PDB file of N, CA and C in Angstrom:
ATOM      1  N   MET A   1      92.253 104.480  84.343  1.00  0.00           N
ATOM      2  CA  MET A   1      92.039 104.305  85.748  1.00  0.00           C
ATOM      3  C   MET A   1      92.079 105.764  86.385  1.00  0.00           C
ATOM      4  N   ILE A   2      92.847 106.652  85.970  1.00  0.00           N
ATOM      5  CA  ILE A   2      92.941 107.979  86.550  1.00  0.00           C
ATOM      6  C   ILE A   2      93.178 109.098  85.544  1.00  0.00           C
ATOM      7  N   GLU A   3      92.659 110.283  85.899  1.00  0.00           N
ATOM      8  CA  GLU A   3      92.712 111.430  85.012  1.00  0.00           C
ATOM      9  C   GLU A   3      93.088 112.666  85.934  1.00  0.00           C
ATOM     10  N   VAL A   4      93.566 113.676  85.304  1.00  0.00           N
ATOM     11  CA  VAL A   4      93.724 114.976  85.910  1.00  0.00           C
ATOM     12  C   VAL A   4      92.623 115.957  85.432  1.00  0.00           C
ATOM     13  N   LYS A   5      92.040 116.590  86.313  1.00  0.00           N
ATOM     14  CA  LYS A   5      91.101 117.607  86.011  1.00  0.00           C
ATOM     15  C   LYS A   5      91.024 118.601  87.207  1.00  0.00           C
ATOM     16  N   SER A   6      90.121 119.620  87.052  1.00  0.00           N
ATOM     17  CA  SER A   6      90.065 120.643  88.154  1.00  0.00           C
ATOM     18  C   SER A   6      89.650 120.088  89.419  1.00  0.00           C
ATOM     19  N   SER A   7      90.285 120.558  90.486  1.00  0.00           N
ATOM     20  CA  SER A   7      90.002 120.001  91.818  1.00  0.00           C
ATOM     21  C   SER A   7      89.151 121.135  92.603  1.00  0.00           C
ATOM     22  N   PRO A   8      88.153 120.813  93.162  1.00  0.00           N
ATOM     23  CA  PRO A   8      87.332 121.811  94.031  1.00  0.00           C
ATOM     24  C   PRO A   8      88.187 122.276  95.262  1.00  0.00           C
ATOM     25  N   ILE A   9      89.045 121.504  95.711  1.00  0.00           N
ATOM     26  CA  ILE A   9      89.775 121.777  96.919  1.00  0.00           C
ATOM     27  C   ILE A   9      90.990 122.789  96.750  1.00  0.00           C
ATOM     28  N   SER A  10      91.391 122.871  95.450  1.00  0.00           N
ATOM     29  CA  SER A  10      92.521 123.719  95.113  1.00  0.00           C
ATOM     30  C   SER A  10      92.117 125.080  94.761  1.00  0.00           C
ATOM     31  N   ASN A  11      92.954 126.065  94.875  1.00  0.00           N
ATOM     32  CA  ASN A  11      92.753 127.405  94.387  1.00  0.00           C
ATOM     33  C   ASN A  11      93.920 127.964  93.537  1.00  0.00           C
ATOM     34  N   GLY A  12      93.858 128.959  92.856  1.00  0.00           N
ATOM     35  CA  GLY A  12      94.860 129.474  92.135  1.00  0.00           C
ATOM     36  C   GLY A  12      94.806 129.102  90.724  1.00  0.00           C
ATOM     37  N   GLU A  13      95.840 129.447  89.999  1.00  0.00           N
ATOM     38  CA  GLU A  13      95.849 129.262  88.489  1.00  0.00           C
ATOM     39  C   GLU A  13      95.780 127.832  88.007  1.00  0.00           C
ATOM     40  N   PHE A  14      96.459 126.924  88.856  1.00  0.00           N
ATOM     41  CA  PHE A  14      96.491 125.528  88.486  1.00  0.00           C
ATOM     42  C   PHE A  14      95.818 124.663  89.483  1.00  0.00           C
ATOM     43  N   ASN A  15      94.480 124.665  89.498  1.00  0.00           N
ATOM     44  CA  ASN A  15      93.761 123.899  90.512  1.00  0.00           C
ATOM     45  C   ASN A  15      93.461 122.480  90.082  1.00  0.00           C
ATOM     46  N   ARG A  16      94.434 121.784  89.942  1.00  0.00           N
ATOM     47  CA  ARG A  16      94.309 120.348  89.448  1.00  0.00           C
ATOM     48  C   ARG A  16      94.330 119.286  90.547  1.00  0.00           C
ATOM     49  N   GLY A  17      93.801 118.187  90.241  1.00  0.00           N
ATOM     50  CA  GLY A  17      93.929 117.031  91.156  1.00  0.00           C
ATOM     51  C   GLY A  17      93.814 115.717  90.260  1.00  0.00           C
ATOM     52  N   VAL A  18      94.020 114.671  90.806  1.00  0.00           N
ATOM     53  CA  VAL A  18      93.974 113.294  90.206  1.00  0.00           C
ATOM     54  C   VAL A  18      92.748 112.660  90.668  1.00  0.00           C
ATOM     55  N   PHE A  19      91.934 112.133  89.676  1.00  0.00           N
ATOM     56  CA  PHE A  19      90.605 111.539  89.974  1.00  0.00           C
ATOM     57  C   PHE A  19      90.545 110.138  89.348  1.00  0.00           C
ATOM     58  N   ALA A  20      89.733 109.311  89.958  1.00  0.00           N
ATOM     59  CA  ALA A  20      89.524 108.007  89.520  1.00  0.00           C
ATOM     60  C   ALA A  20      88.468 107.953  88.346  1.00  0.00           C
ATOM     61  N   THR A  21      88.855 107.337  87.270  1.00  0.00           N
ATOM     62  CA  THR A  21      87.856 107.204  86.113  1.00  0.00           C
ATOM     63  C   THR A  21      86.989 105.882  86.231  1.00  0.00           C
ATOM     64  N   CYS A  22      87.357 104.989  87.231  1.00  0.00           N
ATOM     65  CA  CYS A  22      86.566 103.801  87.445  1.00  0.00           C
ATOM     66  C   CYS A  22      86.739 103.497  88.972  1.00  0.00           C
ATOM     67  N   ASP A  23      86.007 102.531  89.372  1.00  0.00           N
ATOM     68  CA  ASP A  23      86.142 102.145  90.815  1.00  0.00           C
ATOM     69  C   ASP A  23      87.526 101.465  90.927  1.00  0.00           C
ATOM     70  N   ILE A  24      88.244 101.747  92.085  1.00  0.00           N
ATOM     71  CA  ILE A  24      89.534 101.211  92.371  1.00  0.00           C
ATOM     72  C   ILE A  24      89.489 100.594  93.741  1.00  0.00           C
ATOM     73  N   LYS A  25      89.826  99.319  93.781  1.00  0.00           N
ATOM     74  CA  LYS A  25      89.813  98.539  95.024  1.00  0.00           C
ATOM     75  C   LYS A  25      91.072  98.933  95.836  1.00  0.00           C
ATOM     76  N   LYS A  26      90.834  98.879  97.217  1.00  0.00           N
ATOM     77  CA  LYS A  26      91.893  98.949  98.090  1.00  0.00           C
ATOM     78  C   LYS A  26      93.109  98.122  97.734  1.00  0.00           C
ATOM     79  N   GLY A  27      94.307  98.660  97.765  1.00  0.00           N
ATOM     80  CA  GLY A  27      95.507  97.903  97.521  1.00  0.00           C
ATOM     81  C   GLY A  27      95.966  97.915  96.047  1.00  0.00           C
ATOM     82  N   THR A  28      95.102  98.422  95.151  1.00  0.00           N
ATOM     83  CA  THR A  28      95.376  98.475  93.673  1.00  0.00           C
ATOM     84  C   THR A  28      96.489  99.532  93.470  1.00  0.00           C
ATOM     85  N   LEU A  29      97.510  99.121  92.705  1.00  0.00           N
ATOM     86  CA  LEU A  29      98.443 100.129  92.193  1.00  0.00           C
ATOM     87  C   LEU A  29      97.814 101.065  91.162  1.00  0.00           C
ATOM     88  N   ILE A  30      97.868 102.391  91.537  1.00  0.00           N
ATOM     89  CA  ILE A  30      97.100 103.434  90.778  1.00  0.00           C
ATOM     90  C   ILE A  30      98.128 104.099  89.701  1.00  0.00           C
ATOM     91  N   HIS A  31      99.330 104.265  90.195  1.00  0.00           N
ATOM     92  CA  HIS A  31     100.216 105.003  89.278  1.00  0.00           C
ATOM     93  C   HIS A  31     101.706 104.855  89.837  1.00  0.00           C
ATOM     94  N   GLU A  32     102.586 104.676  88.784  1.00  0.00           N
ATOM     95  CA  GLU A  32     104.025 104.584  89.040  1.00  0.00           C
ATOM     96  C   GLU A  32     104.617 105.890  88.458  1.00  0.00           C
ATOM     97  N   ALA A  33     105.030 106.760  89.293  1.00  0.00           N
ATOM     98  CA  ALA A  33     105.682 108.081  88.871  1.00  0.00           C
ATOM     99  C   ALA A  33     107.244 107.966  88.882  1.00  0.00           C
ATOM    100  N   PRO A  34     107.787 108.063  87.809  1.00  0.00           N
ATOM    101  CA  PRO A  34     109.320 108.100  87.723  1.00  0.00           C
ATOM    102  C   PRO A  34     109.816 109.260  88.405  1.00  0.00           C
ATOM    103  N   VAL A  35     110.904 109.301  88.904  1.00  0.00           N
ATOM    104  CA  VAL A  35     111.596 110.356  89.637  1.00  0.00           C
ATOM    105  C   VAL A  35     112.837 110.895  88.949  1.00  0.00           C
ATOM    106  N   ILE A  36     113.061 112.145  89.184  1.00  0.00           N
ATOM    107  CA  ILE A  36     114.336 112.873  88.967  1.00  0.00           C
ATOM    108  C   ILE A  36     114.830 113.226  90.229  1.00  0.00           C
ATOM    109  N   ALA A  37     115.868 112.549  90.610  1.00  0.00           N
ATOM    110  CA  ALA A  37     116.512 112.703  91.989  1.00  0.00           C
ATOM    111  C   ALA A  37     117.726 113.687  91.900  1.00  0.00           C
ATOM    112  N   TYR A  38     117.936 114.425  92.968  1.00  0.00           N
ATOM    113  CA  TYR A  38     119.154 115.221  93.062  1.00  0.00           C
ATOM    114  C   TYR A  38     119.596 115.271  94.588  1.00  0.00           C
ATOM    115  N   PRO A  39     120.793 115.566  94.800  1.00  0.00           N
ATOM    116  CA  PRO A  39     121.378 115.585  96.122  1.00  0.00           C
ATOM    117  C   PRO A  39     120.613 116.662  96.914  1.00  0.00           C
ATOM    118  N   ASN A  40     120.538 116.387  98.221  1.00  0.00           N
ATOM    119  CA  ASN A  40     119.793 117.326  99.030  1.00  0.00           C
ATOM    120  C   ASN A  40     120.416 118.820  99.104  1.00  0.00           C
ATOM    121  N   GLU A  41     121.703 118.793  98.990  1.00  0.00           N
ATOM    122  CA  GLU A  41     122.456 120.064  99.056  1.00  0.00           C
ATOM    123  C   GLU A  41     122.094 120.974  97.934  1.00  0.00           C
ATOM    124  N   GLU A  42     121.551 120.444  96.834  1.00  0.00           N
ATOM    125  CA  GLU A  42     121.044 121.237  95.706  1.00  0.00           C
ATOM    126  C   GLU A  42     119.733 121.744  95.819  1.00  0.00           C
ATOM    127  N   HIS A  43     118.907 121.258  96.896  1.00  0.00           N
ATOM    128  CA  HIS A  43     117.488 121.654  97.072  1.00  0.00           C
ATOM    129  C   HIS A  43     117.438 123.143  97.355  1.00  0.00           C
ATOM    130  N   GLU A  44     118.441 123.843  97.909  1.00  0.00           N
ATOM    131  CA  GLU A  44     118.315 125.215  98.152  1.00  0.00           C
ATOM    132  C   GLU A  44     118.065 126.060  96.944  1.00  0.00           C
ATOM    133  N   HIS A  45     118.456 125.535  95.646  1.00  0.00           N
ATOM    134  CA  HIS A  45     118.164 126.210  94.542  1.00  0.00           C
ATOM    135  C   HIS A  45     116.729 125.996  94.116  1.00  0.00           C
ATOM    136  N   ILE A  46     116.301 124.836  94.266  1.00  0.00           N
ATOM    137  CA  ILE A  46     114.962 124.407  93.996  1.00  0.00           C
ATOM    138  C   ILE A  46     113.837 125.152  94.823  1.00  0.00           C
ATOM    139  N   GLU A  47     114.272 125.368  96.140  1.00  0.00           N
ATOM    140  CA  GLU A  47     113.252 125.967  97.069  1.00  0.00           C
ATOM    141  C   GLU A  47     112.921 127.432  96.653  1.00  0.00           C
ATOM    142  N   LYS A  48     113.840 128.041  95.880  1.00  0.00           N
ATOM    143  CA  LYS A  48     113.580 129.415  95.359  1.00  0.00           C
ATOM    144  C   LYS A  48     112.501 129.455  94.164  1.00  0.00           C
ATOM    145  N   THR A  49     112.110 128.277  93.891  1.00  0.00           N
ATOM    146  CA  THR A  49     111.125 128.123  92.817  1.00  0.00           C
ATOM    147  C   THR A  49     109.749 127.495  93.207  1.00  0.00           C
ATOM    148  N   LEU A  50     108.738 127.643  92.346  1.00  0.00           N
ATOM    149  CA  LEU A  50     107.424 126.979  92.771  1.00  0.00           C
ATOM    150  C   LEU A  50     107.607 125.547  92.879  1.00  0.00           C
ATOM    151  N   ILE A  51     108.527 124.963  92.098  1.00  0.00           N
ATOM    152  CA  ILE A  51     108.727 123.414  92.151  1.00  0.00           C
ATOM    153  C   ILE A  51     109.168 122.991  93.581  1.00  0.00           C
ATOM    154  N   GLY A  52     109.723 123.860  94.323  1.00  0.00           N
ATOM    155  CA  GLY A  52     110.193 123.429  95.667  1.00  0.00           C
ATOM    156  C   GLY A  52     109.063 122.977  96.457  1.00  0.00           C
ATOM    157  N   ASP A  53     107.829 123.450  96.397  1.00  0.00           N
ATOM    158  CA  ASP A  53     106.703 122.903  97.004  1.00  0.00           C
ATOM    159  C   ASP A  53     106.166 121.566  96.615  1.00  0.00           C
ATOM    160  N   TYR A  54     106.729 121.020  95.539  1.00  0.00           N
ATOM    161  CA  TYR A  54     106.262 119.814  95.030  1.00  0.00           C
ATOM    162  C   TYR A  54     107.253 118.646  95.051  1.00  0.00           C
ATOM    163  N   ALA A  55     108.503 119.002  95.646  1.00  0.00           N
ATOM    164  CA  ALA A  55     109.596 117.970  95.840  1.00  0.00           C
ATOM    165  C   ALA A  55     109.264 116.978  96.948  1.00  0.00           C
ATOM    166  N   PHE A  56     109.850 115.823  96.766  1.00  0.00           N
ATOM    167  CA  PHE A  56     109.518 114.661  97.743  1.00  0.00           C
ATOM    168  C   PHE A  56     110.964 114.352  98.274  1.00  0.00           C
ATOM    169  N   GLN A  57     111.038 113.968  99.521  1.00  0.00           N
ATOM    170  CA  GLN A  57     112.265 113.331 100.159  1.00  0.00           C
ATOM    171  C   GLN A  57     112.382 111.963  99.494  1.00  0.00           C
ATOM    172  N   TYR A  58     113.640 111.684  99.087  1.00  0.00           N
ATOM    173  CA  TYR A  58     113.911 110.422  98.279  1.00  0.00           C
ATOM    174  C   TYR A  58     115.061 109.793  98.955  1.00  0.00           C
ATOM    175  N   GLY A  59     114.831 109.042 100.055  1.00  0.00           N
ATOM    176  CA  GLY A  59     115.934 108.580 100.890  1.00  0.00           C
ATOM    177  C   GLY A  59     116.585 109.622 101.722  1.00  0.00           C
ATOM    178  N   ILE A  60     117.675 109.264 102.278  1.00  0.00           N
ATOM    179  CA  ILE A  60     118.339 110.204 103.128  1.00  0.00           C
ATOM    180  C   ILE A  60     119.146 111.223 102.544  1.00  0.00           C
ATOM    181  N   ASN A  61     119.706 111.058 101.446  1.00  0.00           N
ATOM    182  CA  ASN A  61     120.642 112.034 100.843  1.00  0.00           C
ATOM    183  C   ASN A  61     119.957 112.674  99.512  1.00  0.00           C
ATOM    184  N   HIS A  62     118.887 112.445  99.155  1.00  0.00           N
ATOM    185  CA  HIS A  62     118.310 112.923  97.893  1.00  0.00           C
ATOM    186  C   HIS A  62     116.903 113.440  98.041  1.00  0.00           C
ATOM    187  N   THR A  63     116.597 114.432  97.113  1.00  0.00           N
ATOM    188  CA  THR A  63     115.192 114.848  96.984  1.00  0.00           C
ATOM    189  C   THR A  63     114.826 114.518  95.653  1.00  0.00           C
ATOM    190  N   ALA A  64     113.437 114.452  95.331  1.00  0.00           N
ATOM    191  CA  ALA A  64     113.009 114.074  94.038  1.00  0.00           C
ATOM    192  C   ALA A  64     111.919 114.861  93.518  1.00  0.00           C
ATOM    193  N   ILE A  65     111.923 115.124  92.227  1.00  0.00           N
ATOM    194  CA  ILE A  65     110.780 115.630  91.411  1.00  0.00           C
ATOM    195  C   ILE A  65     110.116 114.448  90.800  1.00  0.00           C
ATOM    196  N   LEU A  66     108.812 114.329  90.990  1.00  0.00           N
ATOM    197  CA  LEU A  66     108.145 113.193  90.360  1.00  0.00           C
ATOM    198  C   LEU A  66     107.476 113.622  89.039  1.00  0.00           C
ATOM    199  N   LEU A  67     107.575 112.601  88.091  1.00  0.00           N
ATOM    200  CA  LEU A  67     107.024 112.911  86.767  1.00  0.00           C
ATOM    201  C   LEU A  67     105.688 112.201  86.737  1.00  0.00           C
ATOM    202  N   GLY A  68     105.163 112.183  85.464  1.00  0.00           N
ATOM    203  CA  GLY A  68     103.808 111.535  85.373  1.00  0.00           C
ATOM    204  C   GLY A  68     102.764 112.362  86.238  1.00  0.00           C
ATOM    205  N   TYR A  69     101.862 111.795  86.896  1.00  0.00           N
ATOM    206  CA  TYR A  69     100.882 112.389  87.719  1.00  0.00           C
ATOM    207  C   TYR A  69     101.354 112.591  89.218  1.00  0.00           C
ATOM    208  N   GLY A  70     102.541 112.118  89.445  1.00  0.00           N
ATOM    209  CA  GLY A  70     102.992 112.105  90.808  1.00  0.00           C
ATOM    210  C   GLY A  70     102.938 113.346  91.600  1.00  0.00           C
ATOM    211  N   MET A  71     103.149 114.556  91.014  1.00  0.00           N
ATOM    212  CA  MET A  71     103.189 115.814  91.740  1.00  0.00           C
ATOM    213  C   MET A  71     101.739 116.517  91.736  1.00  0.00           C
ATOM    214  N   LEU A  72     100.762 115.782  91.221  1.00  0.00           N
ATOM    215  CA  LEU A  72      99.439 116.399  91.027  1.00  0.00           C
ATOM    216  C   LEU A  72      98.446 115.733  92.082  1.00  0.00           C
ATOM    217  N   PHE A  73      98.761 114.821  92.830  1.00  0.00           N
ATOM    218  CA  PHE A  73      97.976 114.251  93.932  1.00  0.00           C
ATOM    219  C   PHE A  73      97.815 115.313  95.040  1.00  0.00           C
ATOM    220  N   ASN A  74      96.636 115.712  95.506  1.00  0.00           N
ATOM    221  CA  ASN A  74      96.360 116.760  96.519  1.00  0.00           C
ATOM    222  C   ASN A  74      96.398 115.991  97.902  1.00  0.00           C
ATOM    223  N   HIS A  75      96.713 116.887  98.858  1.00  0.00           N
ATOM    224  CA  HIS A  75      96.832 116.348 100.228  1.00  0.00           C
ATOM    225  C   HIS A  75      95.452 116.268 101.040  1.00  0.00           C
ATOM    226  N   SER A  76      95.433 115.300 101.847  1.00  0.00           N
ATOM    227  CA  SER A  76      94.446 115.134 102.841  1.00  0.00           C
ATOM    228  C   SER A  76      95.018 114.468 104.044  1.00  0.00           C
ATOM    229  N   TYR A  77      94.450 114.838 105.232  1.00  0.00           N
ATOM    230  CA  TYR A  77      94.822 114.063 106.440  1.00  0.00           C
ATOM    231  C   TYR A  77      94.057 112.832 106.594  1.00  0.00           C
ATOM    232  N   GLU A  78      93.110 112.566 105.577  1.00  0.00           N
ATOM    233  CA  GLU A  78      92.260 111.441 105.640  1.00  0.00           C
ATOM    234  C   GLU A  78      92.291 110.951 104.148  1.00  0.00           C
ATOM    235  N   PRO A  79      93.525 110.408 103.720  1.00  0.00           N
ATOM    236  CA  PRO A  79      93.800 110.113 102.310  1.00  0.00           C
ATOM    237  C   PRO A  79      93.039 108.805 101.982  1.00  0.00           C
ATOM    238  N   ASN A  80      92.820 108.645 100.743  1.00  0.00           N
ATOM    239  CA  ASN A  80      92.346 107.425 100.156  1.00  0.00           C
ATOM    240  C   ASN A  80      93.389 106.558  99.339  1.00  0.00           C
ATOM    241  N   ALA A  81      94.585 107.160  99.344  1.00  0.00           N
ATOM    242  CA  ALA A  81      95.778 106.555  98.663  1.00  0.00           C
ATOM    243  C   ALA A  81      96.919 106.773  99.482  1.00  0.00           C
ATOM    244  N   ASN A  82      98.055 105.945  99.248  1.00  0.00           N
ATOM    245  CA  ASN A  82      99.285 106.309  99.807  1.00  0.00           C
ATOM    246  C   ASN A  82     100.351 105.905  98.796  1.00  0.00           C
ATOM    247  N   TYR A  83     101.577 106.187  99.157  1.00  0.00           N
ATOM    248  CA  TYR A  83     102.618 105.765  98.100  1.00  0.00           C
ATOM    249  C   TYR A  83     103.907 105.131  98.846  1.00  0.00           C
ATOM    250  N   LYS A  84     104.596 104.361  98.106  1.00  0.00           N
ATOM    251  CA  LYS A  84     105.840 103.710  98.521  1.00  0.00           C
ATOM    252  C   LYS A  84     106.790 104.132  97.555  1.00  0.00           C
ATOM    253  N   ILE A  85     108.078 104.387  97.991  1.00  0.00           N
ATOM    254  CA  ILE A  85     109.177 104.628  97.250  1.00  0.00           C
ATOM    255  C   ILE A  85     109.707 103.281  96.750  1.00  0.00           C
ATOM    256  N   ASN A  86     109.905 103.283  95.417  1.00  0.00           N
ATOM    257  CA  ASN A  86     110.420 101.973  94.863  1.00  0.00           C
ATOM    258  C   ASN A  86     111.860 102.353  94.376  1.00  0.00           C
ATOM    259  N   PHE A  87     112.861 102.236  95.181  1.00  0.00           N
ATOM    260  CA  PHE A  87     114.182 102.658  94.833  1.00  0.00           C
ATOM    261  C   PHE A  87     114.727 101.853  93.712  1.00  0.00           C
ATOM    262  N   ASP A  88     114.384 100.538  93.600  1.00  0.00           N
ATOM    263  CA  ASP A  88     114.904  99.686  92.438  1.00  0.00           C
ATOM    264  C   ASP A  88     114.484 100.172  91.078  1.00  0.00           C
ATOM    265  N   ASN A  89     113.181 100.662  91.081  1.00  0.00           N
ATOM    266  CA  ASN A  89     112.708 101.194  89.771  1.00  0.00           C
ATOM    267  C   ASN A  89     112.809 102.727  89.653  1.00  0.00           C
ATOM    268  N   HIS A  90     113.176 103.365  90.696  1.00  0.00           N
ATOM    269  CA  HIS A  90     113.181 104.873  90.851  1.00  0.00           C
ATOM    270  C   HIS A  90     112.004 105.350  90.410  1.00  0.00           C
ATOM    271  N   THR A  91     110.835 104.875  91.152  1.00  0.00           N
ATOM    272  CA  THR A  91     109.434 105.443  91.057  1.00  0.00           C
ATOM    273  C   THR A  91     108.812 105.591  92.504  1.00  0.00           C
ATOM    274  N   PHE A  92     107.870 106.429  92.541  1.00  0.00           N
ATOM    275  CA  PHE A  92     106.931 106.472  93.573  1.00  0.00           C
ATOM    276  C   PHE A  92     105.752 105.697  93.211  1.00  0.00           C
ATOM    277  N   ASP A  93     105.381 104.732  93.899  1.00  0.00           N
ATOM    278  CA  ASP A  93     104.231 103.867  93.451  1.00  0.00           C
ATOM    279  C   ASP A  93     103.056 104.171  94.352  1.00  0.00           C
ATOM    280  N   PHE A  94     101.931 104.660  93.717  1.00  0.00           N
ATOM    281  CA  PHE A  94     100.713 105.154  94.502  1.00  0.00           C
ATOM    282  C   PHE A  94      99.742 103.971  94.488  1.00  0.00           C
ATOM    283  N   TYR A  95      99.183 103.692  95.634  1.00  0.00           N
ATOM    284  CA  TYR A  95      98.220 102.616  95.794  1.00  0.00           C
ATOM    285  C   TYR A  95      96.965 103.078  96.566  1.00  0.00           C
ATOM    286  N   ALA A  96      95.854 102.456  96.219  1.00  0.00           N
ATOM    287  CA  ALA A  96      94.642 102.816  96.860  1.00  0.00           C
ATOM    288  C   ALA A  96      94.723 102.307  98.289  1.00  0.00           C
ATOM    289  N   TYR A  97      94.548 103.212  99.288  1.00  0.00           N
ATOM    290  CA  TYR A  97      94.557 103.007 100.632  1.00  0.00           C
ATOM    291  C   TYR A  97      93.183 102.417 101.100  1.00  0.00           C
ATOM    292  N   LYS A  98      92.201 102.893 100.453  1.00  0.00           N
ATOM    293  CA  LYS A  98      90.774 102.579 100.666  1.00  0.00           C
ATOM    294  C   LYS A  98      90.147 102.256  99.303  1.00  0.00           C
ATOM    295  N   ASP A  99      88.959 101.694  99.238  1.00  0.00           N
ATOM    296  CA  ASP A  99      88.186 101.572  98.020  1.00  0.00           C
ATOM    297  C   ASP A  99      87.980 103.028  97.491  1.00  0.00           C
ATOM    298  N   ILE A 100      88.097 103.267  96.243  1.00  0.00           N
ATOM    299  CA  ILE A 100      87.885 104.607  95.658  1.00  0.00           C
ATOM    300  C   ILE A 100      86.795 104.464  94.510  1.00  0.00           C
ATOM    301  N   LYS A 101      85.863 105.329  94.578  1.00  0.00           N
ATOM    302  CA  LYS A 101      84.759 105.323  93.649  1.00  0.00           C
ATOM    303  C   LYS A 101      85.127 106.108  92.466  1.00  0.00           C
ATOM    304  N   ALA A 102      84.618 105.679  91.267  1.00  0.00           N
ATOM    305  CA  ALA A 102      84.769 106.380  89.955  1.00  0.00           C
ATOM    306  C   ALA A 102      84.330 107.861  90.290  1.00  0.00           C
ATOM    307  N   GLY A 103      85.136 108.836  89.763  1.00  0.00           N
ATOM    308  CA  GLY A 103      84.909 110.316  89.920  1.00  0.00           C
ATOM    309  C   GLY A 103      85.463 110.840  91.205  1.00  0.00           C
ATOM    310  N   GLU A 104      85.820 110.070  92.169  1.00  0.00           N
ATOM    311  CA  GLU A 104      86.366 110.626  93.395  1.00  0.00           C
ATOM    312  C   GLU A 104      87.823 111.073  93.248  1.00  0.00           C
ATOM    313  N   GLU A 105      88.114 112.205  93.791  1.00  0.00           N
ATOM    314  CA  GLU A 105      89.519 112.663  93.855  1.00  0.00           C
ATOM    315  C   GLU A 105      90.423 111.747  94.632  1.00  0.00           C
ATOM    316  N   ILE A 106      91.555 111.551  94.251  1.00  0.00           N
ATOM    317  CA  ILE A 106      92.538 110.704  95.006  1.00  0.00           C
ATOM    318  C   ILE A 106      93.500 111.588  95.745  1.00  0.00           C
ATOM    319  N   PHE A 107      93.540 111.336  97.104  1.00  0.00           N
ATOM    320  CA  PHE A 107      94.317 112.140  97.977  1.00  0.00           C
ATOM    321  C   PHE A 107      95.332 111.354  98.608  1.00  0.00           C
ATOM    322  N   ILE A 108      96.584 111.965  98.905  1.00  0.00           N
ATOM    323  CA  ILE A 108      97.567 111.340  99.715  1.00  0.00           C
ATOM    324  C   ILE A 108      97.877 112.259 100.876  1.00  0.00           C
ATOM    325  N   ASN A 109      98.542 111.772 101.879  1.00  0.00           N
ATOM    326  CA  ASN A 109      99.060 112.591 103.023  1.00  0.00           C
ATOM    327  C   ASN A 109     100.496 112.997 102.614  1.00  0.00           C
ATOM    328  N   TYR A 110     100.669 114.332 102.519  1.00  0.00           N
ATOM    329  CA  TYR A 110     101.942 114.800 102.137  1.00  0.00           C
ATOM    330  C   TYR A 110     103.010 114.482 103.234  1.00  0.00           C
ATOM    331  N   ASN A 111     102.599 114.191 104.375  1.00  0.00           N
ATOM    332  CA  ASN A 111     103.644 113.799 105.406  1.00  0.00           C
ATOM    333  C   ASN A 111     104.166 112.402 105.184  1.00  0.00           C
ATOM    334  N   GLY A 112     103.788 111.712 104.269  1.00  0.00           N
ATOM    335  CA  GLY A 112     104.228 110.396 103.887  1.00  0.00           C
ATOM    336  C   GLY A 112     103.690 109.197 104.519  1.00  0.00           C
ATOM    337  N   GLU A 113     103.129 109.475 105.763  1.00  0.00           N
ATOM    338  CA  GLU A 113     102.417 108.376 106.568  1.00  0.00           C
ATOM    339  C   GLU A 113     100.895 108.743 106.498  1.00  0.00           C
ATOM    340  N   VAL A 114     100.034 107.691 106.376  1.00  0.00           N
ATOM    341  CA  VAL A 114      98.603 107.937 106.174  1.00  0.00           C
ATOM    342  C   VAL A 114      98.071 108.641 107.465  1.00  0.00           C
ATOM    343  N   ASP A 115      98.543 108.218 108.670  1.00  0.00           N
ATOM    344  CA  ASP A 115      98.037 108.842 109.876  1.00  0.00           C
ATOM    345  C   ASP A 115      98.752 109.947 110.454  1.00  0.00           C
ATOM    346  N   ASN A 116      99.800 110.505 109.774  1.00  0.00           N
ATOM    347  CA  ASN A 116     100.579 111.604 110.269  1.00  0.00           C
ATOM    348  C   ASN A 116      99.805 112.910 110.174  1.00  0.00           C
ATOM    349  N   LYS A 117      99.594 113.579 111.353  1.00  0.00           N
ATOM    350  CA  LYS A 117      98.706 114.771 111.299  1.00  0.00           C
ATOM    351  C   LYS A 117      99.642 116.040 111.494  1.00  0.00           C
ATOM    352  N   ASP A 118     100.855 115.960 111.446  1.00  0.00           N
ATOM    353  CA  ASP A 118     101.680 117.064 111.612  1.00  0.00           C
ATOM    354  C   ASP A 118     101.398 118.181 110.546  1.00  0.00           C
ATOM    355  N   PRO A 119     101.483 119.423 111.076  1.00  0.00           N
ATOM    356  CA  PRO A 119     101.190 120.558 110.110  1.00  0.00           C
ATOM    357  C   PRO A 119     102.207 120.646 108.950  1.00  0.00           C
ATOM    358  N   LEU A 120     101.666 120.983 107.768  1.00  0.00           N
ATOM    359  CA  LEU A 120     102.507 121.074 106.605  1.00  0.00           C
ATOM    360  C   LEU A 120     103.042 122.454 106.439  1.00  0.00           C
ATOM    361  N   TRP A 121     104.061 122.487 105.534  1.00  0.00           N
ATOM    362  CA  TRP A 121     104.732 123.786 105.347  1.00  0.00           C
ATOM    363  C   TRP A 121     103.765 124.852 104.905  1.00  0.00           C
ATOM    364  N   PHE A 122     102.787 124.501 104.041  1.00  0.00           N
ATOM    365  CA  PHE A 122     101.926 125.553 103.513  1.00  0.00           C
ATOM    366  C   PHE A 122     100.837 126.034 104.511  1.00  0.00           C
ATOM    367  N   GLU A 123     100.558 125.117 105.503  1.00  0.00           N
ATOM    368  CA  GLU A 123      99.662 125.566 106.516  1.00  0.00           C
ATOM    369  C   GLU A 123     100.242 126.501 107.545  1.00  0.00           C
ATOM    370  N   GLU A 124     101.616 126.285 107.814  1.00  0.00           N
ATOM    371  CA  GLU A 124     102.265 127.098 108.671  1.00  0.00           C
ATOM    372  C   GLU A 124     102.546 128.436 108.052  1.00  0.00           C
ATOM    373  N   GLU A 125     102.757 128.498 106.708  1.00  0.00           N
ATOM    374  CA  GLU A 125     102.846 129.868 106.099  1.00  0.00           C
ATOM    375  C   GLU A 125     101.536 130.645 106.197  1.00  0.00           C
ATOM    376  N   GLU A 126     100.337 130.030 106.199  1.00  0.00           N
ATOM    377  CA  GLU A 126      99.168 130.733 106.299  1.00  0.00           C
ATOM    378  C   GLU A 126      98.882 131.343 107.628  1.00  0.00           C
ATOM    379  N   GLU A 127      99.489 130.901 108.660  1.00  0.00           N
ATOM    380  CA  GLU A 127      99.207 131.330 110.025  1.00  0.00           C
ATOM    381  C   GLU A 127      99.808 132.692 110.282  1.00  0.00           C
TER     382      GLU A 127
END
């Protein structure tokens, strides 16, 4: 259903993204990404590394690194997918927010909410 390949919107050494290998209907579960969670107070150590840019908020007291393809979805303010945190399974579950065509790149909004247009940390760094 999905694969990782080079993304035209990314730059740098690791310009990857997640793409649909078949048509995906709105509401379809695309991927369940297991998490490695750690207490927020430990994040200061992770922020000193490249991985800090890929960490997700995981509830109030924890931050998480996503496994599987979870950290490879690129950002868009007009995403075609969203995610829900599944605390019972310790996963981030990615769903098609819109119908997605085979070959299309799958995007999420890094702000967590599909319609949240707040500037992201990497956009602020570019200014």
